[in-house]
Structure formats: structure tokens, C-alpha cells
Amino acid sequence: MKTASRATEKTASTVKTTATQNASPRGFQVVRKATGLSQAKFAAAIGVSKATVENIELGRAPVTPKLEETLGVFAGVVPGTLVSDSCKPRPLDFNRKPYSRQSWEAWRQAEIDYQHTEMLHKMSLDYLTVLLKAAFETSDGRQTPHAFRSLLMNFNRFIFSEIKRQNLADRIKILFATYIAPPPEFGETTVRWCRSEFGRHPEWKQHVRPEWKDLDKVKYKSQFLPEYVPFIGFANIGGGPAFVSGLSSGLTIFDLQIGDRQLRVAKRKMSFKGLFGAHSRFGETPPPFRRRKQKV
């Protein structure tokens, strides 16, 4: 009797597990089809491969709890409702209604209150600050540089993977130009300085005139446009590999007027605060990066 009872329990458990596994792909597919996205586009949107989507819909792979949360954020389906103990999937939207095309459209159009957004911005910054401080040193003041650098590298990877995945590059470029870029500068310099700065640039070579003298006056307007670049990582500095931090980059646009001629020259600028490379040794503080001062 005990053997039969155990066999019955095992059979029931197997049936329940099989039903759950079979329900997962159907619930997943219901949500994908409601969005109107192909398997490839849906996969790109939720950060998995097309093969993963195919395998889930064919019942070859499970819907993990992490993926359920991702679907909840992306599509507005309640996590935990993609899997059913019965043979019928029951994905629900946040109105507790069966998930449908209307659920998808309503979720896409749901706006976030600006005050709520500001609160989330502040919370994100607070959490990130605490995370960075925790990675930088222990509670008794001992530095943990490996943890700190590793965290920053992972943070950089996350930032730029999200920029690509969410297609944010153009928006970020506009925001940088609007909020980060300094105001334009106006001033006066000489042809000699322009030759030293722009002599190899095609724009300068195209417009330069032999009658221009070294001390001829040049009026200029310069505008620095910062770029959104990884602020920590590996680079080729001085002909050798280096690990740099505090990296910043941008393009400076110079509008020059020399006599009655006007021209525009663009010059890229890159700087960094810290460096481990061929000229620094581990266990020693790297020497400060010295920049050559230029007079305009």
C-alpha cells in the first residue's frame, strides 16, 4: 500500500510538473504575440537571443523568475502568471485581466508622473553612491581597489549595453549638448597659434593663405561638445596598453575669422585623471598626467 501510495504521489507530482512546464511556453507566447513583435525583435527587447525565445515557445527551456520580471517591466504582464498548474496559460495584466493586445497598448502608453520620476532619480543616485562607497573601502577604512575597479567596469558595460539596447544614443547626444556642454567662448589669437594647433587638419589646409603672417589677428568662437564615453577601461596610451580612469572626451568646434575669410575646424580632446601603464608600477601611486598648457 505504501509503495502504491508513493507511486501515486510521484505520478501526481510528475503530471503537475509536466503541466507547469507545458503551460510556460504558451503563456510566454501569448504575451509575445500580443505585442505584435517577431521572435527576433521580442528577444532583442527583453535582452535574450532569438534561440532562447524559440526554445521557450517550443517547451525546451523554462521561463526563469528573472525573465518573468523582465517581461513584467517590458510588457506589463504580472510576474508569476505566465506559468499555470493547469493546461491553460493565464498571463494577466496589472488590471488582473487576461493579457491581450489592449494590455500591451495600455502599458506602452502609461506615463510616469514627473514627481515620481524625480524621486526615482534621487533614489537611484543614493543607491549608487552607497554601492560605490561600499566597493571602495571596508568599514574600518581599508581600500578594496579590485572591487571598486571591477564595479566601475561592470557599471560601464551596463550603461553602454542599455544605450544600445534601448536605442538611446541620439537622445544622450542631445542631452549632453543641452545640459553638459559649457557655453561657447569668444576671443582673439594669432595665425601662429592656429598653425600650431590646426596645421595638419584638412579644413585648415584647404583655406590657409600664403599671405597670412604669424602675428595676424584671428577672431574665434569655440564650442566644446562632450561625448558620452566609458569613463574607465583600457586604452592605448603612448604606444602601450594602459588602464585609465576618469576618462572624458569631446569635440571642440572652432569658428575662425582671419581678415575677410571664415573657416571652421573641429578638434578632438581627450583627458583622464588616473593611469596605470608602462610608466607606472603596481603598488605605487601613478604619477599625475601632465598636460601641456597652451595659450590662446
C-alpha atoms as a PDB file:
ATOM      1  CA  MET A   1       0.000   0.000   0.000  1.00  0.00           C
ATOM      2  CA  LYS A   2       2.813   2.376   0.875  1.00  0.00           C
ATOM      3  CA  THR A   3       4.526   1.569  -2.409  1.00  0.00           C
ATOM      4  CA  ALA A   4       1.320   2.235  -4.352  1.00  0.00           C
ATOM      5  CA  SER A   5       0.749   5.461  -2.406  1.00  0.00           C
ATOM      6  CA  ARG A   6       4.263   6.677  -3.171  1.00  0.00           C
ATOM      7  CA  ALA A   7       3.843   5.770  -6.824  1.00  0.00           C
ATOM      8  CA  THR A   8       0.574   7.692  -6.937  1.00  0.00           C
ATOM      9  CA  GLU A   9       2.191  10.744  -5.305  1.00  0.00           C
ATOM     10  CA  LYS A  10       5.126  10.544  -7.703  1.00  0.00           C
ATOM     11  CA  THR A  11       2.767  10.268 -10.687  1.00  0.00           C
ATOM     12  CA  ALA A  12       0.717  13.249  -9.490  1.00  0.00           C
ATOM     13  CA  SER A  13       3.877  15.256  -8.954  1.00  0.00           C
ATOM     14  CA  THR A  14       5.130  14.359 -12.415  1.00  0.00           C
ATOM     15  CA  VAL A  15       1.810  15.348 -14.001  1.00  0.00           C
ATOM     16  CA  LYS A  16       1.812  18.649 -12.102  1.00  0.00           C
ATOM     17  CA  THR A  17       5.406  19.437 -13.120  1.00  0.00           C
ATOM     18  CA  THR A  18       4.733  18.492 -16.733  1.00  0.00           C
ATOM     19  CA  ALA A  19       1.613  20.667 -16.823  1.00  0.00           C
ATOM     20  CA  THR A  20       3.552  23.598 -15.383  1.00  0.00           C
ATOM     21  CA  GLN A  21       6.365  23.195 -17.891  1.00  0.00           C
ATOM     22  CA  ASN A  22       3.887  22.897 -20.746  1.00  0.00           C
ATOM     23  CA  ALA A  23       1.988  25.976 -19.608  1.00  0.00           C
ATOM     24  CA  SER A  24       5.105  28.202 -19.541  1.00  0.00           C
ATOM     25  CA  PRO A  25       5.730  28.375 -23.278  1.00  0.00           C
ATOM     26  CA  ARG A  26       2.063  29.013 -24.055  1.00  0.00           C
ATOM     27  CA  GLY A  27       1.837  31.869 -21.567  1.00  0.00           C
ATOM     28  CA  PHE A  28       5.086  33.319 -22.883  1.00  0.00           C
ATOM     29  CA  GLN A  29       3.850  33.070 -26.456  1.00  0.00           C
ATOM     30  CA  VAL A  30       0.538  34.721 -25.580  1.00  0.00           C
ATOM     31  CA  VAL A  31       2.432  37.777 -24.357  1.00  0.00           C
ATOM     32  CA  ARG A  32       4.802  37.899 -27.340  1.00  0.00           C
ATOM     33  CA  LYS A  33       2.019  37.619 -29.886  1.00  0.00           C
ATOM     34  CA  ALA A  34       0.023  40.318 -28.089  1.00  0.00           C
ATOM     35  CA  THR A  35       2.937  42.715 -28.593  1.00  0.00           C
ATOM     36  CA  GLY A  36       2.940  42.018 -32.326  1.00  0.00           C
ATOM     37  CA  LEU A  37       6.711  41.503 -32.290  1.00  0.00           C
ATOM     38  CA  SER A  38       8.563  38.777 -34.124  1.00  0.00           C
ATOM     39  CA  GLN A  39      10.652  36.333 -32.126  1.00  0.00           C
ATOM     40  CA  ALA A  40      13.829  38.180 -33.106  1.00  0.00           C
ATOM     41  CA  LYS A  41      12.529  41.647 -32.137  1.00  0.00           C
ATOM     42  CA  PHE A  42      10.962  40.359 -28.933  1.00  0.00           C
ATOM     43  CA  ALA A  43      14.238  38.673 -27.997  1.00  0.00           C
ATOM     44  CA  ALA A  44      16.195  41.887 -28.586  1.00  0.00           C
ATOM     45  CA  ALA A  45      13.698  43.869 -26.497  1.00  0.00           C
ATOM     46  CA  ILE A  46      13.986  41.599 -23.446  1.00  0.00           C
ATOM     47  CA  GLY A  47      17.731  41.027 -23.741  1.00  0.00           C
ATOM     48  CA  VAL A  48      17.884  37.364 -24.784  1.00  0.00           C
ATOM     49  CA  SER A  49      18.713  35.534 -28.007  1.00  0.00           C
ATOM     50  CA  LYS A  50      16.177  34.541 -30.636  1.00  0.00           C
ATOM     51  CA  ALA A  51      17.105  30.917 -29.929  1.00  0.00           C
ATOM     52  CA  THR A  52      16.050  31.380 -26.292  1.00  0.00           C
ATOM     53  CA  VAL A  53      12.627  32.664 -27.346  1.00  0.00           C
ATOM     54  CA  GLU A  54      12.231  29.786 -29.775  1.00  0.00           C
ATOM     55  CA  ASN A  55      13.228  27.205 -27.162  1.00  0.00           C
ATOM     56  CA  ILE A  56      10.815  28.640 -24.583  1.00  0.00           C
ATOM     57  CA  GLU A  57       7.910  28.623 -27.021  1.00  0.00           C
ATOM     58  CA  LEU A  58       8.724  25.037 -28.031  1.00  0.00           C
ATOM     59  CA  GLY A  59       8.870  23.948 -24.387  1.00  0.00           C
ATOM     60  CA  ARG A  60      12.603  23.251 -24.473  1.00  0.00           C
ATOM     61  CA  ALA A  61      13.544  25.953 -21.950  1.00  0.00           C
ATOM     62  CA  PRO A  62      11.787  27.342 -18.861  1.00  0.00           C
ATOM     63  CA  VAL A  63      10.688  30.901 -18.164  1.00  0.00           C
ATOM     64  CA  THR A  64      13.002  31.827 -15.315  1.00  0.00           C
ATOM     65  CA  PRO A  65      11.892  34.138 -12.465  1.00  0.00           C
ATOM     66  CA  LYS A  66      14.365  36.757 -13.729  1.00  0.00           C
ATOM     67  CA  LEU A  67      12.890  36.598 -17.224  1.00  0.00           C
ATOM     68  CA  GLU A  68       9.372  36.871 -15.778  1.00  0.00           C
ATOM     69  CA  GLU A  69      10.386  40.125 -14.070  1.00  0.00           C
ATOM     70  CA  THR A  70      11.912  41.391 -17.304  1.00  0.00           C
ATOM     71  CA  LEU A  71       8.652  40.634 -19.125  1.00  0.00           C
ATOM     72  CA  GLY A  72       6.717  42.384 -16.381  1.00  0.00           C
ATOM     73  CA  VAL A  73       8.714  45.579 -16.864  1.00  0.00           C
ATOM     74  CA  PHE A  74       8.714  45.411 -20.656  1.00  0.00           C
ATOM     75  CA  ALA A  75       5.211  44.200 -21.421  1.00  0.00           C
ATOM     76  CA  GLY A  76       3.184  44.846 -18.259  1.00  0.00           C
ATOM     77  CA  VAL A  77       2.401  41.196 -17.529  1.00  0.00           C
ATOM     78  CA  VAL A  78       2.157  40.190 -13.874  1.00  0.00           C
ATOM     79  CA  PRO A  79       5.160  38.011 -12.912  1.00  0.00           C
ATOM     80  CA  GLY A  80       4.032  34.605 -11.748  1.00  0.00           C
ATOM     81  CA  THR A  81       1.024  34.459 -14.063  1.00  0.00           C
ATOM     82  CA  LEU A  82       2.921  33.122 -17.073  1.00  0.00           C
ATOM     83  CA  VAL A  83       3.010  29.651 -15.518  1.00  0.00           C
ATOM     84  CA  SER A  84      -0.138  27.718 -14.645  1.00  0.00           C
ATOM     85  CA  ASP A  85      -0.761  24.416 -12.888  1.00  0.00           C
ATOM     86  CA  SER A  86      -3.476  23.693 -15.419  1.00  0.00           C
ATOM     87  CA  CYS A  87      -3.047  23.094 -19.121  1.00  0.00           C
ATOM     88  CA  LYS A  88      -4.224  26.618 -19.903  1.00  0.00           C
ATOM     89  CA  PRO A  89      -1.889  29.614 -19.537  1.00  0.00           C
ATOM     90  CA  ARG A  90      -3.199  32.531 -17.534  1.00  0.00           C
ATOM     91  CA  PRO A  91      -0.951  35.567 -18.103  1.00  0.00           C
ATOM     92  CA  LEU A  92      -2.605  38.611 -16.550  1.00  0.00           C
ATOM     93  CA  ASP A  93      -2.027  42.333 -16.936  1.00  0.00           C
ATOM     94  CA  PHE A  94      -1.842  44.712 -13.975  1.00  0.00           C
ATOM     95  CA  ASN A  95      -5.618  45.212 -14.120  1.00  0.00           C
ATOM     96  CA  ARG A  96      -5.818  41.458 -13.352  1.00  0.00           C
ATOM     97  CA  LYS A  97      -7.354  40.811 -16.756  1.00  0.00           C
ATOM     98  CA  PRO A  98      -6.216  38.185 -19.263  1.00  0.00           C
ATOM     99  CA  TYR A  99      -3.258  39.597 -21.148  1.00  0.00           C
ATOM    100  CA  SER A 100      -4.163  40.877 -24.618  1.00  0.00           C
ATOM    101  CA  ARG A 101      -3.216  43.366 -27.297  1.00  0.00           C
ATOM    102  CA  GLN A 102      -5.122  46.007 -25.325  1.00  0.00           C
ATOM    103  CA  SER A 103      -2.988  45.202 -22.279  1.00  0.00           C
ATOM    104  CA  TRP A 104       0.165  45.814 -24.315  1.00  0.00           C
ATOM    105  CA  GLU A 105      -1.061  49.119 -25.762  1.00  0.00           C
ATOM    106  CA  ALA A 106      -2.241  50.373 -22.371  1.00  0.00           C
ATOM    107  CA  TRP A 107       1.126  49.518 -20.784  1.00  0.00           C
ATOM    108  CA  ARG A 108       3.076  51.275 -23.561  1.00  0.00           C
ATOM    109  CA  GLN A 109       1.014  54.437 -23.196  1.00  0.00           C
ATOM    110  CA  ALA A 110       1.074  54.552 -19.391  1.00  0.00           C
ATOM    111  CA  GLU A 111       3.091  57.648 -18.460  1.00  0.00           C
ATOM    112  CA  ILE A 112       5.134  58.186 -15.300  1.00  0.00           C
ATOM    113  CA  ASP A 113       4.412  61.199 -13.123  1.00  0.00           C
ATOM    114  CA  TYR A 114       7.290  63.704 -13.201  1.00  0.00           C
ATOM    115  CA  GLN A 115       7.437  63.974  -9.411  1.00  0.00           C
ATOM    116  CA  HIS A 116       7.633  60.202  -9.192  1.00  0.00           C
ATOM    117  CA  THR A 117      10.455  60.265 -11.771  1.00  0.00           C
ATOM    118  CA  GLU A 118      12.421  62.807  -9.727  1.00  0.00           C
ATOM    119  CA  MET A 119      12.033  60.617  -6.655  1.00  0.00           C
ATOM    120  CA  LEU A 120      13.333  57.593  -8.583  1.00  0.00           C
ATOM    121  CA  HIS A 121      16.275  59.652  -9.879  1.00  0.00           C
ATOM    122  CA  LYS A 122      17.251  60.590  -6.347  1.00  0.00           C
ATOM    123  CA  MET A 123      16.854  57.040  -5.041  1.00  0.00           C
ATOM    124  CA  SER A 124      18.983  55.699  -7.903  1.00  0.00           C
ATOM    125  CA  LEU A 125      21.755  58.188  -7.147  1.00  0.00           C
ATOM    126  CA  ASP A 126      21.618  57.415  -3.415  1.00  0.00           C
ATOM    127  CA  TYR A 127      21.829  53.665  -4.010  1.00  0.00           C
ATOM    128  CA  LEU A 128      24.667  54.067  -6.495  1.00  0.00           C
ATOM    129  CA  THR A 129      26.604  56.303  -4.096  1.00  0.00           C
ATOM    130  CA  VAL A 130      26.299  53.769  -1.283  1.00  0.00           C
ATOM    131  CA  LEU A 131      27.284  50.931  -3.641  1.00  0.00           C
ATOM    132  CA  LEU A 132      30.425  52.762  -4.810  1.00  0.00           C
ATOM    133  CA  LYS A 133      31.468  53.646  -1.264  1.00  0.00           C
ATOM    134  CA  ALA A 134      30.963  50.063  -0.127  1.00  0.00           C
ATOM    135  CA  ALA A 135      33.122  48.790  -3.005  1.00  0.00           C
ATOM    136  CA  PHE A 136      35.833  51.394  -2.368  1.00  0.00           C
ATOM    137  CA  GLU A 137      36.665  50.582   1.246  1.00  0.00           C
ATOM    138  CA  THR A 138      35.718  48.451   4.217  1.00  0.00           C
ATOM    139  CA  SER A 139      34.010  49.768   7.343  1.00  0.00           C
ATOM    140  CA  ASP A 140      37.403  50.140   9.058  1.00  0.00           C
ATOM    141  CA  GLY A 141      38.826  52.259   6.227  1.00  0.00           C
ATOM    142  CA  ARG A 142      40.844  49.664   4.259  1.00  0.00           C
ATOM    143  CA  GLN A 143      40.679  50.222   0.497  1.00  0.00           C
ATOM    144  CA  THR A 144      39.480  47.425  -1.793  1.00  0.00           C
ATOM    145  CA  PRO A 145      40.610  48.733  -5.208  1.00  0.00           C
ATOM    146  CA  HIS A 146      39.924  45.464  -7.023  1.00  0.00           C
ATOM    147  CA  ALA A 147      36.252  45.503  -6.012  1.00  0.00           C
ATOM    148  CA  PHE A 148      35.978  49.220  -6.825  1.00  0.00           C
ATOM    149  CA  ARG A 149      37.518  48.926 -10.314  1.00  0.00           C
ATOM    150  CA  SER A 150      35.512  45.784 -11.082  1.00  0.00           C
ATOM    151  CA  LEU A 151      32.289  47.502 -10.082  1.00  0.00           C
ATOM    152  CA  LEU A 152      33.032  50.523 -12.267  1.00  0.00           C
ATOM    153  CA  MET A 153      33.892  48.319 -15.256  1.00  0.00           C
ATOM    154  CA  ASN A 154      30.624  46.407 -14.865  1.00  0.00           C
ATOM    155  CA  PHE A 155      28.743  49.684 -14.466  1.00  0.00           C
ATOM    156  CA  ASN A 156      30.262  50.967 -17.722  1.00  0.00           C
ATOM    157  CA  ARG A 157      29.303  47.790 -19.549  1.00  0.00           C
ATOM    158  CA  PHE A 158      25.753  48.054 -18.235  1.00  0.00           C
ATOM    159  CA  ILE A 159      25.428  51.711 -19.278  1.00  0.00           C
ATOM    160  CA  PHE A 160      26.553  51.182 -22.853  1.00  0.00           C
ATOM    161  CA  SER A 161      24.692  47.913 -23.332  1.00  0.00           C
ATOM    162  CA  GLU A 162      21.490  49.711 -22.287  1.00  0.00           C
ATOM    163  CA  ILE A 163      22.237  52.637 -24.608  1.00  0.00           C
ATOM    164  CA  LYS A 164      22.460  50.182 -27.478  1.00  0.00           C
ATOM    165  CA  ARG A 165      19.509  48.022 -26.403  1.00  0.00           C
ATOM    166  CA  GLN A 166      17.163  50.952 -25.750  1.00  0.00           C
ATOM    167  CA  ASN A 167      18.456  52.947 -28.756  1.00  0.00           C
ATOM    168  CA  LEU A 168      19.312  55.997 -26.622  1.00  0.00           C
ATOM    169  CA  ALA A 169      22.446  57.284 -28.385  1.00  0.00           C
ATOM    170  CA  ASP A 170      20.773  60.233 -30.158  1.00  0.00           C
ATOM    171  CA  ARG A 171      18.848  61.299 -27.037  1.00  0.00           C
ATOM    172  CA  ILE A 172      22.018  61.240 -24.938  1.00  0.00           C
ATOM    173  CA  LYS A 173      23.901  63.278 -27.522  1.00  0.00           C
ATOM    174  CA  ILE A 174      21.207  65.977 -27.386  1.00  0.00           C
ATOM    175  CA  LEU A 175      21.100  65.954 -23.567  1.00  0.00           C
ATOM    176  CA  PHE A 176      24.881  66.284 -23.338  1.00  0.00           C
ATOM    177  CA  ALA A 177      24.862  69.227 -25.742  1.00  0.00           C
ATOM    178  CA  THR A 178      21.986  70.864 -23.831  1.00  0.00           C
ATOM    179  CA  TYR A 179      22.925  70.290 -20.182  1.00  0.00           C
ATOM    180  CA  ILE A 180      26.599  69.290 -20.007  1.00  0.00           C
ATOM    181  CA  ALA A 181      28.313  71.325 -22.707  1.00  0.00           C
ATOM    182  CA  PRO A 182      29.841  74.600 -21.429  1.00  0.00           C
ATOM    183  CA  PRO A 183      28.841  77.911 -23.044  1.00  0.00           C
ATOM    184  CA  PRO A 184      30.810  78.964 -26.132  1.00  0.00           C
ATOM    185  CA  GLU A 185      33.980  81.029 -25.718  1.00  0.00           C
ATOM    186  CA  PHE A 186      34.921  84.083 -27.745  1.00  0.00           C
ATOM    187  CA  GLY A 187      38.366  85.548 -28.085  1.00  0.00           C
ATOM    188  CA  GLU A 188      41.277  86.592 -30.235  1.00  0.00           C
ATOM    189  CA  THR A 189      44.525  84.805 -31.080  1.00  0.00           C
ATOM    190  CA  THR A 190      47.146  84.761 -33.859  1.00  0.00           C
ATOM    191  CA  VAL A 191      47.783  82.883 -37.089  1.00  0.00           C
ATOM    192  CA  ARG A 192      50.881  81.385 -35.475  1.00  0.00           C
ATOM    193  CA  TRP A 193      48.796  79.686 -32.789  1.00  0.00           C
ATOM    194  CA  CYS A 194      46.289  78.452 -35.369  1.00  0.00           C
ATOM    195  CA  ARG A 195      49.082  76.955 -37.459  1.00  0.00           C
ATOM    196  CA  SER A 196      50.447  75.102 -34.421  1.00  0.00           C
ATOM    197  CA  GLU A 197      47.007  73.785 -33.481  1.00  0.00           C
ATOM    198  CA  PHE A 198      45.355  73.116 -36.848  1.00  0.00           C
ATOM    199  CA  GLY A 199      48.252  72.857 -39.300  1.00  0.00           C
ATOM    200  CA  ARG A 200      47.536  69.191 -40.113  1.00  0.00           C
ATOM    201  CA  HIS A 201      43.758  69.499 -40.312  1.00  0.00           C
ATOM    202  CA  PRO A 202      42.232  69.271 -43.810  1.00  0.00           C
ATOM    203  CA  GLU A 203      39.946  72.249 -43.112  1.00  0.00           C
ATOM    204  CA  TRP A 204      42.943  74.469 -42.324  1.00  0.00           C
ATOM    205  CA  LYS A 205      44.979  73.243 -45.310  1.00  0.00           C
ATOM    206  CA  GLN A 206      42.054  73.947 -47.597  1.00  0.00           C
ATOM    207  CA  HIS A 207      41.632  77.589 -46.512  1.00  0.00           C
ATOM    208  CA  VAL A 208      45.148  78.703 -45.483  1.00  0.00           C
ATOM    209  CA  ARG A 209      46.622  81.619 -47.476  1.00  0.00           C
ATOM    210  CA  PRO A 210      50.353  82.261 -48.038  1.00  0.00           C
ATOM    211  CA  GLU A 211      49.935  85.980 -47.305  1.00  0.00           C
ATOM    212  CA  TRP A 212      48.865  85.303 -43.711  1.00  0.00           C
ATOM    213  CA  LYS A 213      51.583  86.380 -41.271  1.00  0.00           C
ATOM    214  CA  ASP A 214      52.318  84.773 -37.898  1.00  0.00           C
ATOM    215  CA  LEU A 215      51.152  87.782 -35.905  1.00  0.00           C
ATOM    216  CA  ASP A 216      47.980  88.432 -37.907  1.00  0.00           C
ATOM    217  CA  LYS A 217      44.947  88.556 -35.603  1.00  0.00           C
ATOM    218  CA  VAL A 218      42.361  85.781 -35.619  1.00  0.00           C
ATOM    219  CA  LYS A 219      38.941  86.113 -34.016  1.00  0.00           C
ATOM    220  CA  TYR A 220      37.455  82.867 -32.832  1.00  0.00           C
ATOM    221  CA  LYS A 221      34.430  81.248 -31.278  1.00  0.00           C
ATOM    222  CA  SER A 222      34.962  77.818 -29.699  1.00  0.00           C
ATOM    223  CA  GLN A 223      32.316  75.371 -28.541  1.00  0.00           C
ATOM    224  CA  PHE A 224      33.162  72.152 -26.688  1.00  0.00           C
ATOM    225  CA  LEU A 225      30.738  69.272 -27.275  1.00  0.00           C
ATOM    226  CA  PRO A 226      31.314  66.470 -24.729  1.00  0.00           C
ATOM    227  CA  GLU A 227      30.810  62.859 -25.738  1.00  0.00           C
ATOM    228  CA  TYR A 228      29.312  60.049 -23.687  1.00  0.00           C
ATOM    229  CA  VAL A 229      32.239  57.632 -23.409  1.00  0.00           C
ATOM    230  CA  PRO A 230      33.253  54.883 -20.942  1.00  0.00           C
ATOM    231  CA  PHE A 231      34.982  56.675 -18.067  1.00  0.00           C
ATOM    232  CA  ILE A 232      37.126  53.701 -17.057  1.00  0.00           C
ATOM    233  CA  GLY A 233      38.803  50.954 -19.064  1.00  0.00           C
ATOM    234  CA  PHE A 234      41.745  50.021 -21.239  1.00  0.00           C
ATOM    235  CA  ALA A 235      43.328  52.240 -23.870  1.00  0.00           C
ATOM    236  CA  ASN A 236      46.490  52.561 -25.939  1.00  0.00           C
ATOM    237  CA  ILE A 237      48.450  55.441 -24.430  1.00  0.00           C
ATOM    238  CA  GLY A 238      51.895  56.415 -25.671  1.00  0.00           C
ATOM    239  CA  GLY A 239      52.232  53.289 -27.791  1.00  0.00           C
ATOM    240  CA  GLY A 240      51.412  50.881 -24.961  1.00  0.00           C
ATOM    241  CA  PRO A 241      48.368  49.469 -23.129  1.00  0.00           C
ATOM    242  CA  ALA A 242      47.096  51.318 -20.067  1.00  0.00           C
ATOM    243  CA  PHE A 243      44.234  51.171 -17.605  1.00  0.00           C
ATOM    244  CA  VAL A 244      42.698  54.640 -17.415  1.00  0.00           C
ATOM    245  CA  SER A 245      40.038  56.177 -15.192  1.00  0.00           C
ATOM    246  CA  GLY A 246      38.194  59.477 -15.202  1.00  0.00           C
ATOM    247  CA  LEU A 247      38.205  59.441 -18.998  1.00  0.00           C
ATOM    248  CA  SER A 248      36.424  62.258 -20.800  1.00  0.00           C
ATOM    249  CA  SER A 249      36.236  63.046 -24.484  1.00  0.00           C
ATOM    250  CA  GLY A 250      34.670  65.580 -26.776  1.00  0.00           C
ATOM    251  CA  LEU A 251      34.898  67.679 -29.885  1.00  0.00           C
ATOM    252  CA  THR A 252      35.790  71.375 -29.890  1.00  0.00           C
ATOM    253  CA  ILE A 253      34.417  73.356 -32.827  1.00  0.00           C
ATOM    254  CA  PHE A 254      36.444  76.462 -33.722  1.00  0.00           C
ATOM    255  CA  ASP A 255      34.870  79.144 -35.917  1.00  0.00           C
ATOM    256  CA  LEU A 256      37.766  81.306 -37.093  1.00  0.00           C
ATOM    257  CA  GLN A 257      37.793  84.666 -38.837  1.00  0.00           C
ATOM    258  CA  ILE A 258      41.051  85.796 -40.426  1.00  0.00           C
ATOM    259  CA  GLY A 259      40.609  89.063 -42.279  1.00  0.00           C
ATOM    260  CA  ASP A 260      37.662  88.571 -44.606  1.00  0.00           C
ATOM    261  CA  ARG A 261      37.859  84.768 -44.551  1.00  0.00           C
ATOM    262  CA  GLN A 262      35.915  82.445 -42.260  1.00  0.00           C
ATOM    263  CA  LEU A 263      36.510  78.764 -41.624  1.00  0.00           C
ATOM    264  CA  ARG A 264      35.530  76.048 -39.175  1.00  0.00           C
ATOM    265  CA  VAL A 265      37.919  73.490 -37.650  1.00  0.00           C
ATOM    266  CA  ALA A 266      36.993  70.588 -35.379  1.00  0.00           C
ATOM    267  CA  LYS A 267      39.491  69.203 -32.884  1.00  0.00           C
ATOM    268  CA  ARG A 268      39.010  66.185 -30.646  1.00  0.00           C
ATOM    269  CA  LYS A 269      40.025  66.411 -26.994  1.00  0.00           C
ATOM    270  CA  MET A 270      40.549  63.528 -24.588  1.00  0.00           C
ATOM    271  CA  SER A 271      41.700  63.604 -20.971  1.00  0.00           C
ATOM    272  CA  PHE A 272      41.842  61.290 -17.981  1.00  0.00           C
ATOM    273  CA  LYS A 273      42.608  61.508 -14.273  1.00  0.00           C
ATOM    274  CA  GLY A 274      44.254  58.187 -13.427  1.00  0.00           C
ATOM    275  CA  LEU A 275      46.616  55.902 -15.328  1.00  0.00           C
ATOM    276  CA  PHE A 276      48.249  52.506 -14.878  1.00  0.00           C
ATOM    277  CA  GLY A 277      50.540  51.801 -17.796  1.00  0.00           C
ATOM    278  CA  ALA A 278      54.082  51.238 -18.965  1.00  0.00           C
ATOM    279  CA  HIS A 279      55.407  54.135 -16.853  1.00  0.00           C
ATOM    280  CA  SER A 280      53.734  53.172 -13.568  1.00  0.00           C
ATOM    281  CA  ARG A 281      54.317  50.257 -11.206  1.00  0.00           C
ATOM    282  CA  PHE A 282      51.785  48.309  -9.239  1.00  0.00           C
ATOM    283  CA  GLY A 283      51.832  49.140  -5.560  1.00  0.00           C
ATOM    284  CA  GLU A 284      52.875  52.732  -6.317  1.00  0.00           C
ATOM    285  CA  THR A 285      50.759  55.796  -6.830  1.00  0.00           C
ATOM    286  CA  PRO A 286      50.791  56.577 -10.575  1.00  0.00           C
ATOM    287  CA  PRO A 287      52.298  59.968 -11.461  1.00  0.00           C
ATOM    288  CA  PRO A 288      49.833  62.724 -12.372  1.00  0.00           C
ATOM    289  CA  PHE A 289      49.168  63.154 -16.057  1.00  0.00           C
ATOM    290  CA  ARG A 290      50.782  66.430 -17.092  1.00  0.00           C
ATOM    291  CA  ARG A 291      49.094  68.427 -19.774  1.00  0.00           C
ATOM    292  CA  ARG A 292      50.934  70.957 -21.875  1.00  0.00           C
ATOM    293  CA  LYS A 293      49.476  74.369 -21.236  1.00  0.00           C
ATOM    294  CA  GLN A 294      48.531  76.291 -24.340  1.00  0.00           C
ATOM    295  CA  LYS A 295      47.984  79.971 -24.621  1.00  0.00           C
ATOM    296  CA  VAL A 296      45.231  81.276 -26.830  1.00  0.00           C
END
